[in-house]
């Protein structure tokens, strides 16, 4: 589970880095990164770690229920978790918040890849 949390944090850090998608994401959500206080950024990081741990614990429960083993089962469970749970939930908010539609697809794709990665990790080194 620790490896899966590390994956989630590393993946999010890389994708949300300013040169990758960070500046584009900030413009979509109307955030001026120069005005974000360091303490607020650290609070966000703490929340991201906490929710990543919760997510991986929940994924572990789903993984246990499936009886899956191996990389292909991990990819399938991760894909279903990503599309069925995280991606669809994340895609609901941008249209209601009247944000740009690319933000919806960004969130959707981000979470699908995130959970496919978690599934692969569970399939390769999980119980």
C-alpha atoms as a PDB file:
ATOM      1  CA  UNK A   1       0.000   0.000   0.000  1.00  0.00           C
ATOM      2  CA  UNK A   2       2.882   2.352   0.701  1.00  0.00           C
ATOM      3  CA  UNK A   3       4.147   1.931  -2.871  1.00  0.00           C
ATOM      4  CA  UNK A   4       0.690   2.807  -4.203  1.00  0.00           C
ATOM      5  CA  UNK A   5       0.530   5.989  -2.097  1.00  0.00           C
ATOM      6  CA  UNK A   6       4.030   6.940  -3.270  1.00  0.00           C
ATOM      7  CA  UNK A   7       2.906   6.333  -6.898  1.00  0.00           C
ATOM      8  CA  UNK A   8      -0.144   8.564  -6.440  1.00  0.00           C
ATOM      9  CA  UNK A   9       1.905  11.382  -4.930  1.00  0.00           C
ATOM     10  CA  UNK A  10       4.721  11.134  -7.493  1.00  0.00           C
ATOM     11  CA  UNK A  11       2.291  10.976 -10.419  1.00  0.00           C
ATOM     12  CA  UNK A  12       0.281  13.945  -9.140  1.00  0.00           C
ATOM     13  CA  UNK A  13       3.430  15.954  -8.440  1.00  0.00           C
ATOM     14  CA  UNK A  14       4.761  15.319 -11.939  1.00  0.00           C
ATOM     15  CA  UNK A  15       1.505  16.035 -13.751  1.00  0.00           C
ATOM     16  CA  UNK A  16       0.645  19.156 -11.753  1.00  0.00           C
ATOM     17  CA  UNK A  17       4.181  20.555 -12.084  1.00  0.00           C
ATOM     18  CA  UNK A  18       4.026  23.984 -13.677  1.00  0.00           C
ATOM     19  CA  UNK A  19       5.900  23.025 -16.862  1.00  0.00           C
ATOM     20  CA  UNK A  20       3.739  19.920 -17.414  1.00  0.00           C
ATOM     21  CA  UNK A  21       0.082  20.798 -16.698  1.00  0.00           C
ATOM     22  CA  UNK A  22       0.285  23.023 -13.621  1.00  0.00           C
ATOM     23  CA  UNK A  23       0.101  26.376 -15.370  1.00  0.00           C
ATOM     24  CA  UNK A  24      -2.686  25.217 -17.683  1.00  0.00           C
ATOM     25  CA  UNK A  25      -4.647  23.718 -14.777  1.00  0.00           C
ATOM     26  CA  UNK A  26      -4.202  26.934 -12.751  1.00  0.00           C
ATOM     27  CA  UNK A  27      -5.629  28.999 -15.596  1.00  0.00           C
ATOM     28  CA  UNK A  28      -8.603  26.631 -15.948  1.00  0.00           C
ATOM     29  CA  UNK A  29      -9.480  26.953 -12.250  1.00  0.00           C
ATOM     30  CA  UNK A  30      -8.613  30.650 -12.009  1.00  0.00           C
ATOM     31  CA  UNK A  31      -5.677  30.222  -9.640  1.00  0.00           C
ATOM     32  CA  UNK A  32      -2.747  32.634  -9.550  1.00  0.00           C
ATOM     33  CA  UNK A  33       0.047  30.404  -8.270  1.00  0.00           C
ATOM     34  CA  UNK A  34       2.190  33.409  -7.381  1.00  0.00           C
ATOM     35  CA  UNK A  35      -0.408  34.374  -4.773  1.00  0.00           C
ATOM     36  CA  UNK A  36      -0.678  30.966  -3.078  1.00  0.00           C
ATOM     37  CA  UNK A  37       0.818  31.118   0.394  1.00  0.00           C
ATOM     38  CA  UNK A  38       3.373  28.449   1.215  1.00  0.00           C
ATOM     39  CA  UNK A  39       1.304  27.409   4.256  1.00  0.00           C
ATOM     40  CA  UNK A  40      -1.763  26.895   2.038  1.00  0.00           C
ATOM     41  CA  UNK A  41       0.295  24.815  -0.389  1.00  0.00           C
ATOM     42  CA  UNK A  42       1.541  22.665   2.499  1.00  0.00           C
ATOM     43  CA  UNK A  43      -2.024  22.188   3.793  1.00  0.00           C
ATOM     44  CA  UNK A  44      -3.003  21.038   0.305  1.00  0.00           C
ATOM     45  CA  UNK A  45      -0.121  18.562   0.285  1.00  0.00           C
ATOM     46  CA  UNK A  46      -1.119  17.169   3.683  1.00  0.00           C
ATOM     47  CA  UNK A  47      -4.711  16.709   2.471  1.00  0.00           C
ATOM     48  CA  UNK A  48      -3.482  15.050  -0.731  1.00  0.00           C
ATOM     49  CA  UNK A  49      -1.408  12.564   1.259  1.00  0.00           C
ATOM     50  CA  UNK A  50      -4.253  11.854   3.689  1.00  0.00           C
ATOM     51  CA  UNK A  51      -6.818  11.268   0.924  1.00  0.00           C
ATOM     52  CA  UNK A  52      -4.322   9.159  -1.017  1.00  0.00           C
ATOM     53  CA  UNK A  53      -3.934   6.885   2.001  1.00  0.00           C
ATOM     54  CA  UNK A  54      -7.732   6.646   2.361  1.00  0.00           C
ATOM     55  CA  UNK A  55      -8.097   5.917  -1.361  1.00  0.00           C
ATOM     56  CA  UNK A  56      -5.489   3.171  -1.331  1.00  0.00           C
ATOM     57  CA  UNK A  57      -7.070   1.590   1.767  1.00  0.00           C
ATOM     58  CA  UNK A  58     -10.426   1.580  -0.035  1.00  0.00           C
ATOM     59  CA  UNK A  59      -8.798   0.158  -3.149  1.00  0.00           C
ATOM     60  CA  UNK A  60      -7.285  -2.579  -0.978  1.00  0.00           C
ATOM     61  CA  UNK A  61     -10.789  -3.503   0.195  1.00  0.00           C
ATOM     62  CA  UNK A  62     -12.047  -3.677  -3.391  1.00  0.00           C
ATOM     63  CA  UNK A  63      -8.957  -5.623  -4.452  1.00  0.00           C
ATOM     64  CA  UNK A  64      -9.515  -8.121  -1.641  1.00  0.00           C
ATOM     65  CA  UNK A  65     -13.159  -8.588  -2.618  1.00  0.00           C
ATOM     66  CA  UNK A  66     -12.287  -9.339  -6.245  1.00  0.00           C
ATOM     67  CA  UNK A  67      -9.847 -12.091  -5.375  1.00  0.00           C
ATOM     68  CA  UNK A  68      -7.668 -10.705  -8.147  1.00  0.00           C
ATOM     69  CA  UNK A  69      -4.027 -11.523  -8.628  1.00  0.00           C
ATOM     70  CA  UNK A  70      -1.441 -10.564 -11.179  1.00  0.00           C
ATOM     71  CA  UNK A  71      -0.884  -7.585 -13.414  1.00  0.00           C
ATOM     72  CA  UNK A  72      -3.867  -8.122 -15.723  1.00  0.00           C
ATOM     73  CA  UNK A  73      -6.327  -8.308 -12.812  1.00  0.00           C
ATOM     74  CA  UNK A  74      -4.667  -5.263 -11.270  1.00  0.00           C
ATOM     75  CA  UNK A  75      -5.020  -3.311 -14.504  1.00  0.00           C
ATOM     76  CA  UNK A  76      -8.688  -4.272 -14.825  1.00  0.00           C
ATOM     77  CA  UNK A  77      -9.596  -3.423 -11.226  1.00  0.00           C
ATOM     78  CA  UNK A  78      -7.620  -0.179 -11.515  1.00  0.00           C
ATOM     79  CA  UNK A  79      -9.363   0.711 -14.772  1.00  0.00           C
ATOM     80  CA  UNK A  80     -12.782   0.058 -13.272  1.00  0.00           C
ATOM     81  CA  UNK A  81     -11.921   2.060 -10.163  1.00  0.00           C
ATOM     82  CA  UNK A  82     -10.541   4.873 -12.291  1.00  0.00           C
ATOM     83  CA  UNK A  83     -13.439   5.079 -14.730  1.00  0.00           C
ATOM     84  CA  UNK A  84     -16.298   3.976 -12.508  1.00  0.00           C
ATOM     85  CA  UNK A  85     -15.410   5.753  -9.303  1.00  0.00           C
ATOM     86  CA  UNK A  86     -12.754   8.436  -9.528  1.00  0.00           C
ATOM     87  CA  UNK A  87     -13.010   9.591 -13.139  1.00  0.00           C
ATOM     88  CA  UNK A  88     -16.761   9.939 -13.279  1.00  0.00           C
ATOM     89  CA  UNK A  89     -16.851  11.705  -9.922  1.00  0.00           C
ATOM     90  CA  UNK A  90     -14.120  14.130 -10.932  1.00  0.00           C
ATOM     91  CA  UNK A  91     -15.767  14.825 -14.280  1.00  0.00           C
ATOM     92  CA  UNK A  92     -19.018  15.993 -12.672  1.00  0.00           C
ATOM     93  CA  UNK A  93     -17.619  19.120 -11.029  1.00  0.00           C
ATOM     94  CA  UNK A  94     -16.198  21.227 -13.887  1.00  0.00           C
ATOM     95  CA  UNK A  95     -19.516  21.487 -15.817  1.00  0.00           C
ATOM     96  CA  UNK A  96     -21.436  22.435 -12.655  1.00  0.00           C
ATOM     97  CA  UNK A  97     -18.755  24.939 -11.673  1.00  0.00           C
ATOM     98  CA  UNK A  98     -18.839  26.358 -15.213  1.00  0.00           C
ATOM     99  CA  UNK A  99     -15.156  25.614 -15.740  1.00  0.00           C
ATOM    100  CA  UNK A 100     -13.621  24.965 -19.167  1.00  0.00           C
ATOM    101  CA  UNK A 101     -14.496  21.544 -20.592  1.00  0.00           C
ATOM    102  CA  UNK A 102     -10.826  20.545 -21.038  1.00  0.00           C
ATOM    103  CA  UNK A 103     -10.624  20.596 -17.238  1.00  0.00           C
ATOM    104  CA  UNK A 104     -13.265  17.874 -17.067  1.00  0.00           C
ATOM    105  CA  UNK A 105     -11.294  15.646 -19.441  1.00  0.00           C
ATOM    106  CA  UNK A 106      -8.050  16.437 -17.617  1.00  0.00           C
ATOM    107  CA  UNK A 107      -9.514  15.363 -14.267  1.00  0.00           C
ATOM    108  CA  UNK A 108     -11.088  12.279 -15.807  1.00  0.00           C
ATOM    109  CA  UNK A 109      -7.875  11.134 -17.524  1.00  0.00           C
ATOM    110  CA  UNK A 110      -5.767  12.002 -14.483  1.00  0.00           C
ATOM    111  CA  UNK A 111      -7.804   9.805 -12.162  1.00  0.00           C
ATOM    112  CA  UNK A 112      -8.113   6.913 -14.588  1.00  0.00           C
ATOM    113  CA  UNK A 113      -4.332   6.762 -15.062  1.00  0.00           C
ATOM    114  CA  UNK A 114      -3.819   7.228 -11.318  1.00  0.00           C
ATOM    115  CA  UNK A 115      -5.964   4.205 -10.419  1.00  0.00           C
ATOM    116  CA  UNK A 116      -4.703   2.039 -13.276  1.00  0.00           C
ATOM    117  CA  UNK A 117      -1.263   2.615 -11.763  1.00  0.00           C
ATOM    118  CA  UNK A 118      -2.504   1.655  -8.310  1.00  0.00           C
ATOM    119  CA  UNK A 119      -4.145  -1.456  -9.749  1.00  0.00           C
ATOM    120  CA  UNK A 120      -0.944  -2.447 -11.528  1.00  0.00           C
ATOM    121  CA  UNK A 121       1.018  -2.021  -8.306  1.00  0.00           C
ATOM    122  CA  UNK A 122      -1.463  -4.189  -6.405  1.00  0.00           C
ATOM    123  CA  UNK A 123      -1.382  -6.780  -9.167  1.00  0.00           C
ATOM    124  CA  UNK A 124       2.400  -6.938  -9.260  1.00  0.00           C
ATOM    125  CA  UNK A 125       3.296  -6.728  -5.562  1.00  0.00           C
ATOM    126  CA  UNK A 126      -0.046  -6.941  -3.740  1.00  0.00           C
ATOM    127  CA  UNK A 127      -1.147  -9.842  -1.658  1.00  0.00           C
END
